């Protein structure tokens, strides 16, 4: 009854490995069968809830890191653009005027 991940699949297609759930399910399988099915189901449910909480934490960490990465990337682009405008202000004004003219003509 214990879940065993298939080690032959490549990493992209392999399901998530949930060590805490695997440990809990293995412990449940080792118990004597005199405990009721309800108790086993509750143990499995508790293990799954713990694993979902852990995965939620991991997802929040990934989202936070992604946000920081996107923020630093946009800041780098903005700084690069500012540097180019400072280096060639007349060219920047000419480009802005041309874009404004084209945008105005399409309206």
N, C-alpha and C. Protein backbone atom coordinates (compact mmCIF):
# COMPACT_ATOMS: atom_id res chain seq x y z
N UNK A 1 0.81 -1.18 0.00
CA UNK A 1 0.00 0.00 0.00
C UNK A 1 0.86 1.26 0.00
N UNK A 2 2.10 1.17 0.40
CA UNK A 2 2.99 2.34 0.45
C UNK A 2 3.33 2.80 -0.95
N UNK A 3 3.40 4.11 -1.13
CA UNK A 3 3.73 4.70 -2.43
C UNK A 3 5.23 4.61 -2.66
N UNK A 4 5.61 4.10 -3.79
CA UNK A 4 7.02 4.01 -4.15
C UNK A 4 7.20 4.71 -5.48
N UNK A 5 7.97 5.84 -5.52
CA UNK A 5 8.15 6.55 -6.79
C UNK A 5 8.93 5.71 -7.78
N UNK A 6 8.59 5.84 -9.03
CA UNK A 6 9.28 5.11 -10.10
C UNK A 6 10.58 5.82 -10.42
N UNK A 7 11.69 5.21 -10.10
CA UNK A 7 13.00 5.83 -10.32
C UNK A 7 13.42 5.81 -11.78
N UNK A 8 12.72 5.05 -12.63
CA UNK A 8 13.10 4.95 -14.04
C UNK A 8 12.57 6.10 -14.88
N UNK A 9 11.59 6.85 -14.38
CA UNK A 9 11.05 7.98 -15.14
C UNK A 9 12.02 9.15 -15.06
N UNK A 10 12.00 9.99 -16.10
CA UNK A 10 12.88 11.16 -16.05
C UNK A 10 12.30 12.16 -15.05
N UNK A 11 13.09 13.15 -14.65
CA UNK A 11 12.71 14.05 -13.58
C UNK A 11 11.52 14.92 -13.94
N UNK A 12 11.30 15.23 -15.20
CA UNK A 12 10.20 16.10 -15.58
C UNK A 12 8.86 15.40 -15.46
N UNK A 13 8.81 14.10 -15.69
CA UNK A 13 7.55 13.37 -15.67
C UNK A 13 7.31 12.65 -14.35
N UNK A 14 8.29 12.65 -13.46
CA UNK A 14 8.15 11.92 -12.21
C UNK A 14 7.25 12.70 -11.26
N UNK A 15 6.34 12.04 -10.55
CA UNK A 15 5.49 12.74 -9.60
C UNK A 15 6.33 13.27 -8.44
N UNK A 16 5.78 14.20 -7.69
CA UNK A 16 6.49 14.75 -6.55
C UNK A 16 6.82 13.64 -5.56
N UNK A 17 8.01 13.68 -5.02
CA UNK A 17 8.39 12.73 -3.99
C UNK A 17 8.04 13.37 -2.66
N UNK A 18 7.26 12.70 -1.88
CA UNK A 18 6.78 13.23 -0.61
C UNK A 18 7.32 12.36 0.52
N UNK A 19 8.51 12.67 1.01
CA UNK A 19 9.13 11.78 2.00
C UNK A 19 8.33 11.68 3.30
N UNK A 20 7.75 12.76 3.77
CA UNK A 20 6.99 12.69 5.03
C UNK A 20 5.75 11.82 4.87
N UNK A 21 5.08 11.97 3.77
CA UNK A 21 3.89 11.14 3.52
C UNK A 21 4.30 9.69 3.38
N UNK A 22 5.38 9.44 2.65
CA UNK A 22 5.86 8.06 2.48
C UNK A 22 6.19 7.42 3.83
N UNK A 23 6.85 8.21 4.70
CA UNK A 23 7.19 7.67 6.02
C UNK A 23 5.93 7.37 6.83
N UNK A 24 4.96 8.28 6.79
CA UNK A 24 3.73 8.08 7.56
C UNK A 24 2.96 6.87 7.04
N UNK A 25 2.88 6.76 5.72
CA UNK A 25 2.17 5.62 5.15
C UNK A 25 2.88 4.30 5.44
N UNK A 26 4.21 4.33 5.43
CA UNK A 26 4.96 3.12 5.76
C UNK A 26 4.72 2.72 7.21
N UNK A 27 4.64 3.72 8.10
CA UNK A 27 4.37 3.42 9.51
C UNK A 27 2.97 2.86 9.69
N UNK A 28 2.03 3.38 8.92
CA UNK A 28 0.66 2.88 9.00
C UNK A 28 0.60 1.44 8.51
N UNK A 29 1.34 1.13 7.44
CA UNK A 29 1.34 -0.23 6.90
C UNK A 29 1.94 -1.24 7.89
N UNK A 30 2.87 -0.78 8.74
CA UNK A 30 3.55 -1.69 9.67
C UNK A 30 2.72 -1.96 10.92
N UNK A 31 1.66 -1.19 11.16
CA UNK A 31 0.84 -1.38 12.35
C UNK A 31 0.06 -2.70 12.25
N UNK A 32 -0.25 -3.25 13.40
CA UNK A 32 -1.08 -4.47 13.38
C UNK A 32 -2.46 -4.13 12.80
N UNK A 33 -3.09 -5.12 12.22
CA UNK A 33 -4.36 -4.90 11.53
C UNK A 33 -5.55 -4.81 12.48
N UNK A 34 -5.31 -4.83 13.81
CA UNK A 34 -6.44 -4.75 14.74
C UNK A 34 -6.98 -3.33 14.87
N UNK A 35 -6.25 -2.33 14.39
CA UNK A 35 -6.78 -0.97 14.41
C UNK A 35 -7.81 -0.84 13.31
N UNK A 36 -8.81 -0.02 13.52
CA UNK A 36 -9.91 0.11 12.57
C UNK A 36 -9.49 0.85 11.31
N UNK A 37 -10.28 0.67 10.29
CA UNK A 37 -10.02 1.34 9.01
C UNK A 37 -10.13 2.84 9.17
N UNK A 38 -11.00 3.31 10.09
CA UNK A 38 -11.14 4.75 10.32
C UNK A 38 -9.85 5.35 10.86
N UNK A 39 -9.20 4.63 11.75
CA UNK A 39 -7.94 5.13 12.32
C UNK A 39 -6.87 5.20 11.25
N UNK A 40 -6.81 4.20 10.38
CA UNK A 40 -5.84 4.21 9.31
C UNK A 40 -6.10 5.37 8.34
N UNK A 41 -7.36 5.58 8.03
CA UNK A 41 -7.72 6.67 7.13
C UNK A 41 -7.37 8.02 7.75
N UNK A 42 -7.59 8.16 9.05
CA UNK A 42 -7.26 9.42 9.72
C UNK A 42 -5.76 9.65 9.75
N UNK A 43 -4.98 8.58 9.94
CA UNK A 43 -3.53 8.71 9.91
C UNK A 43 -3.05 9.14 8.53
N UNK A 44 -3.61 8.52 7.51
CA UNK A 44 -3.24 8.88 6.14
C UNK A 44 -3.63 10.32 5.84
N UNK A 45 -4.80 10.72 6.28
CA UNK A 45 -5.27 12.08 6.07
C UNK A 45 -4.36 13.08 6.78
N UNK A 46 -3.96 12.77 7.98
CA UNK A 46 -3.04 13.64 8.72
C UNK A 46 -1.70 13.78 8.02
N UNK A 47 -1.20 12.67 7.50
CA UNK A 47 0.08 12.72 6.79
C UNK A 47 -0.05 13.54 5.51
N UNK A 48 -1.16 13.38 4.82
CA UNK A 48 -1.37 14.15 3.59
C UNK A 48 -1.52 15.63 3.89
N UNK A 49 -2.20 15.97 4.97
CA UNK A 49 -2.33 17.39 5.35
C UNK A 49 -0.96 17.98 5.67
N UNK A 50 -0.13 17.25 6.37
CA UNK A 50 1.21 17.75 6.69
C UNK A 50 2.02 17.97 5.42
N UNK A 51 1.89 17.06 4.47
CA UNK A 51 2.63 17.20 3.22
C UNK A 51 2.11 18.38 2.40
N UNK A 52 0.80 18.58 2.40
CA UNK A 52 0.23 19.74 1.68
C UNK A 52 0.74 21.03 2.32
N UNK A 53 0.80 21.10 3.62
CA UNK A 53 1.32 22.29 4.30
C UNK A 53 2.77 22.55 3.91
N UNK A 54 3.56 21.47 3.84
CA UNK A 54 4.97 21.62 3.45
C UNK A 54 5.08 22.10 2.01
N UNK A 55 4.25 21.55 1.13
CA UNK A 55 4.28 21.95 -0.27
C UNK A 55 3.81 23.40 -0.44
N UNK A 56 2.84 23.82 0.37
CA UNK A 56 2.37 25.21 0.33
C UNK A 56 3.51 26.15 0.72
N UNK A 57 4.25 25.78 1.75
CA UNK A 57 5.40 26.57 2.18
C UNK A 57 6.42 26.69 1.05
N UNK A 58 6.70 25.58 0.39
CA UNK A 58 7.65 25.58 -0.72
C UNK A 58 7.17 26.46 -1.86
N UNK A 59 5.88 26.40 -2.17
CA UNK A 59 5.33 27.21 -3.25
C UNK A 59 5.43 28.70 -2.91
N UNK A 60 5.19 29.05 -1.65
CA UNK A 60 5.32 30.45 -1.24
C UNK A 60 6.76 30.93 -1.35
N UNK A 61 7.71 30.07 -1.02
CA UNK A 61 9.12 30.44 -1.15
C UNK A 61 9.48 30.65 -2.62
N UNK A 62 9.00 29.79 -3.49
CA UNK A 62 9.27 29.92 -4.93
C UNK A 62 8.65 31.20 -5.46
N UNK A 63 7.42 31.50 -5.05
CA UNK A 63 6.75 32.73 -5.51
C UNK A 63 7.50 33.96 -5.04
N UNK A 64 7.97 33.94 -3.82
CA UNK A 64 8.72 35.07 -3.28
C UNK A 64 10.03 35.27 -4.04
N UNK A 65 10.72 34.18 -4.30
CA UNK A 65 11.97 34.27 -5.05
C UNK A 65 11.73 34.76 -6.47
N UNK A 66 10.65 34.31 -7.09
CA UNK A 66 10.31 34.75 -8.45
C UNK A 66 10.01 36.24 -8.48
N UNK A 67 9.30 36.71 -7.48
CA UNK A 67 8.97 38.13 -7.40
C UNK A 67 10.25 38.96 -7.25
N UNK A 68 11.16 38.52 -6.39
CA UNK A 68 12.43 39.25 -6.22
C UNK A 68 13.24 39.25 -7.51
N UNK A 69 13.25 38.12 -8.21
CA UNK A 69 13.99 38.02 -9.47
C UNK A 69 13.40 38.95 -10.52
N UNK A 70 12.08 38.97 -10.65
CA UNK A 70 11.42 39.84 -11.62
C UNK A 70 11.66 41.30 -11.28
N UNK A 71 11.63 41.62 -10.02
CA UNK A 71 11.85 43.00 -9.59
C UNK A 71 13.28 43.45 -9.91
N UNK A 72 14.24 42.58 -9.63
CA UNK A 72 15.64 42.95 -9.92
C UNK A 72 15.88 43.03 -11.42
N UNK A 73 15.20 42.19 -12.20
CA UNK A 73 15.34 42.24 -13.66
C UNK A 73 14.77 43.52 -14.23
N UNK A 74 13.59 43.95 -13.74
CA UNK A 74 13.00 45.18 -14.25
C UNK A 74 13.83 46.39 -13.81
N UNK A 75 14.41 46.33 -12.63
CA UNK A 75 15.27 47.43 -12.17
C UNK A 75 16.52 47.53 -13.05
N UNK A 76 17.07 46.40 -13.44
CA UNK A 76 18.26 46.40 -14.30
C UNK A 76 17.92 46.97 -15.68
N UNK A 77 16.76 46.63 -16.22
CA UNK A 77 16.34 47.16 -17.53
C UNK A 77 16.14 48.66 -17.44
N UNK A 78 15.49 49.11 -16.37
CA UNK A 78 15.26 50.55 -16.20
C UNK A 78 16.58 51.31 -16.09
N UNK A 79 17.52 50.77 -15.31
CA UNK A 79 18.83 51.43 -15.17
C UNK A 79 19.57 51.47 -16.50
N UNK A 80 19.50 50.39 -17.28
CA UNK A 80 20.14 50.36 -18.59
C UNK A 80 19.53 51.41 -19.51
N UNK A 81 18.21 51.53 -19.49
CA UNK A 81 17.53 52.52 -20.31
C UNK A 81 17.92 53.94 -19.90
N UNK A 82 17.98 54.17 -18.60
CA UNK A 82 18.39 55.49 -18.11
C UNK A 82 19.82 55.82 -18.56
N UNK A 83 20.70 54.85 -18.49
CA UNK A 83 22.09 55.07 -18.92
C UNK A 83 22.16 55.41 -20.41
N UNK A 84 21.36 54.70 -21.22
CA UNK A 84 21.37 54.98 -22.66
C UNK A 84 20.81 56.37 -22.96
N UNK A 85 19.77 56.78 -22.24
CA UNK A 85 19.20 58.11 -22.44
C UNK A 85 20.19 59.18 -22.04
N UNK A 86 20.89 58.97 -20.93
CA UNK A 86 21.90 59.95 -20.49
C UNK A 86 23.06 60.03 -21.47
N UNK A 87 23.41 58.90 -22.08
CA UNK A 87 24.54 58.89 -23.02
C UNK A 87 24.17 59.58 -24.33
N UNK A 88 22.94 59.43 -24.80
CA UNK A 88 22.50 60.02 -26.08
C UNK A 88 21.12 60.65 -25.90
N UNK A 89 21.06 61.83 -25.26
CA UNK A 89 19.74 62.43 -24.99
C UNK A 89 19.01 62.87 -26.27
N UNK A 90 19.71 63.38 -27.27
CA UNK A 90 19.05 63.82 -28.49
C UNK A 90 18.43 62.65 -29.25
N UNK A 91 19.12 61.55 -29.31
CA UNK A 91 18.58 60.37 -29.97
C UNK A 91 17.34 59.88 -29.23
N UNK A 92 17.37 59.92 -27.90
CA UNK A 92 16.22 59.49 -27.11
C UNK A 92 15.01 60.39 -27.38
N UNK A 93 15.24 61.71 -27.48
CA UNK A 93 14.15 62.64 -27.76
C UNK A 93 13.59 62.38 -29.16
N UNK A 94 14.47 62.14 -30.13
CA UNK A 94 14.03 61.88 -31.50
C UNK A 94 13.19 60.60 -31.57
N UNK A 95 13.62 59.56 -30.88
CA UNK A 95 12.87 58.30 -30.86
C UNK A 95 11.51 58.50 -30.20
N UNK A 96 11.48 59.23 -29.08
CA UNK A 96 10.22 59.49 -28.39
C UNK A 96 9.27 60.30 -29.27
N UNK A 97 9.82 61.29 -30.00
CA UNK A 97 8.99 62.11 -30.89
C UNK A 97 8.42 61.27 -32.03
N UNK A 98 9.24 60.41 -32.61
CA UNK A 98 8.78 59.55 -33.70
C UNK A 98 7.70 58.60 -33.22
N UNK A 99 7.89 57.99 -32.05
CA UNK A 99 6.87 57.09 -31.50
C UNK A 99 5.58 57.85 -31.20
N UNK A 100 5.69 59.07 -30.67
CA UNK A 100 4.52 59.88 -30.39
C UNK A 100 3.78 60.24 -31.66
N UNK A 101 4.51 60.57 -32.72
CA UNK A 101 3.89 60.92 -34.00
C UNK A 101 3.14 59.71 -34.58
N UNK A 102 3.78 58.54 -34.57
CA UNK A 102 3.13 57.33 -35.10
C UNK A 102 1.91 56.98 -34.27
N UNK A 103 2.03 57.05 -32.96
CA UNK A 103 0.89 56.75 -32.08
C UNK A 103 -0.25 57.73 -32.34
N UNK A 104 0.08 59.02 -32.50
CA UNK A 104 -0.94 60.02 -32.77
C UNK A 104 -1.62 59.81 -34.12
N UNK A 105 -0.90 59.34 -35.10
CA UNK A 105 -1.48 59.10 -36.42
C UNK A 105 -2.46 57.90 -36.41
N UNK A 106 -2.23 56.97 -35.55
CA UNK A 106 -3.09 55.79 -35.48
C UNK A 106 -4.36 56.05 -34.68
N UNK A 107 -4.44 57.14 -33.99
CA UNK A 107 -5.62 57.46 -33.16
C UNK A 107 -6.62 58.24 -33.94
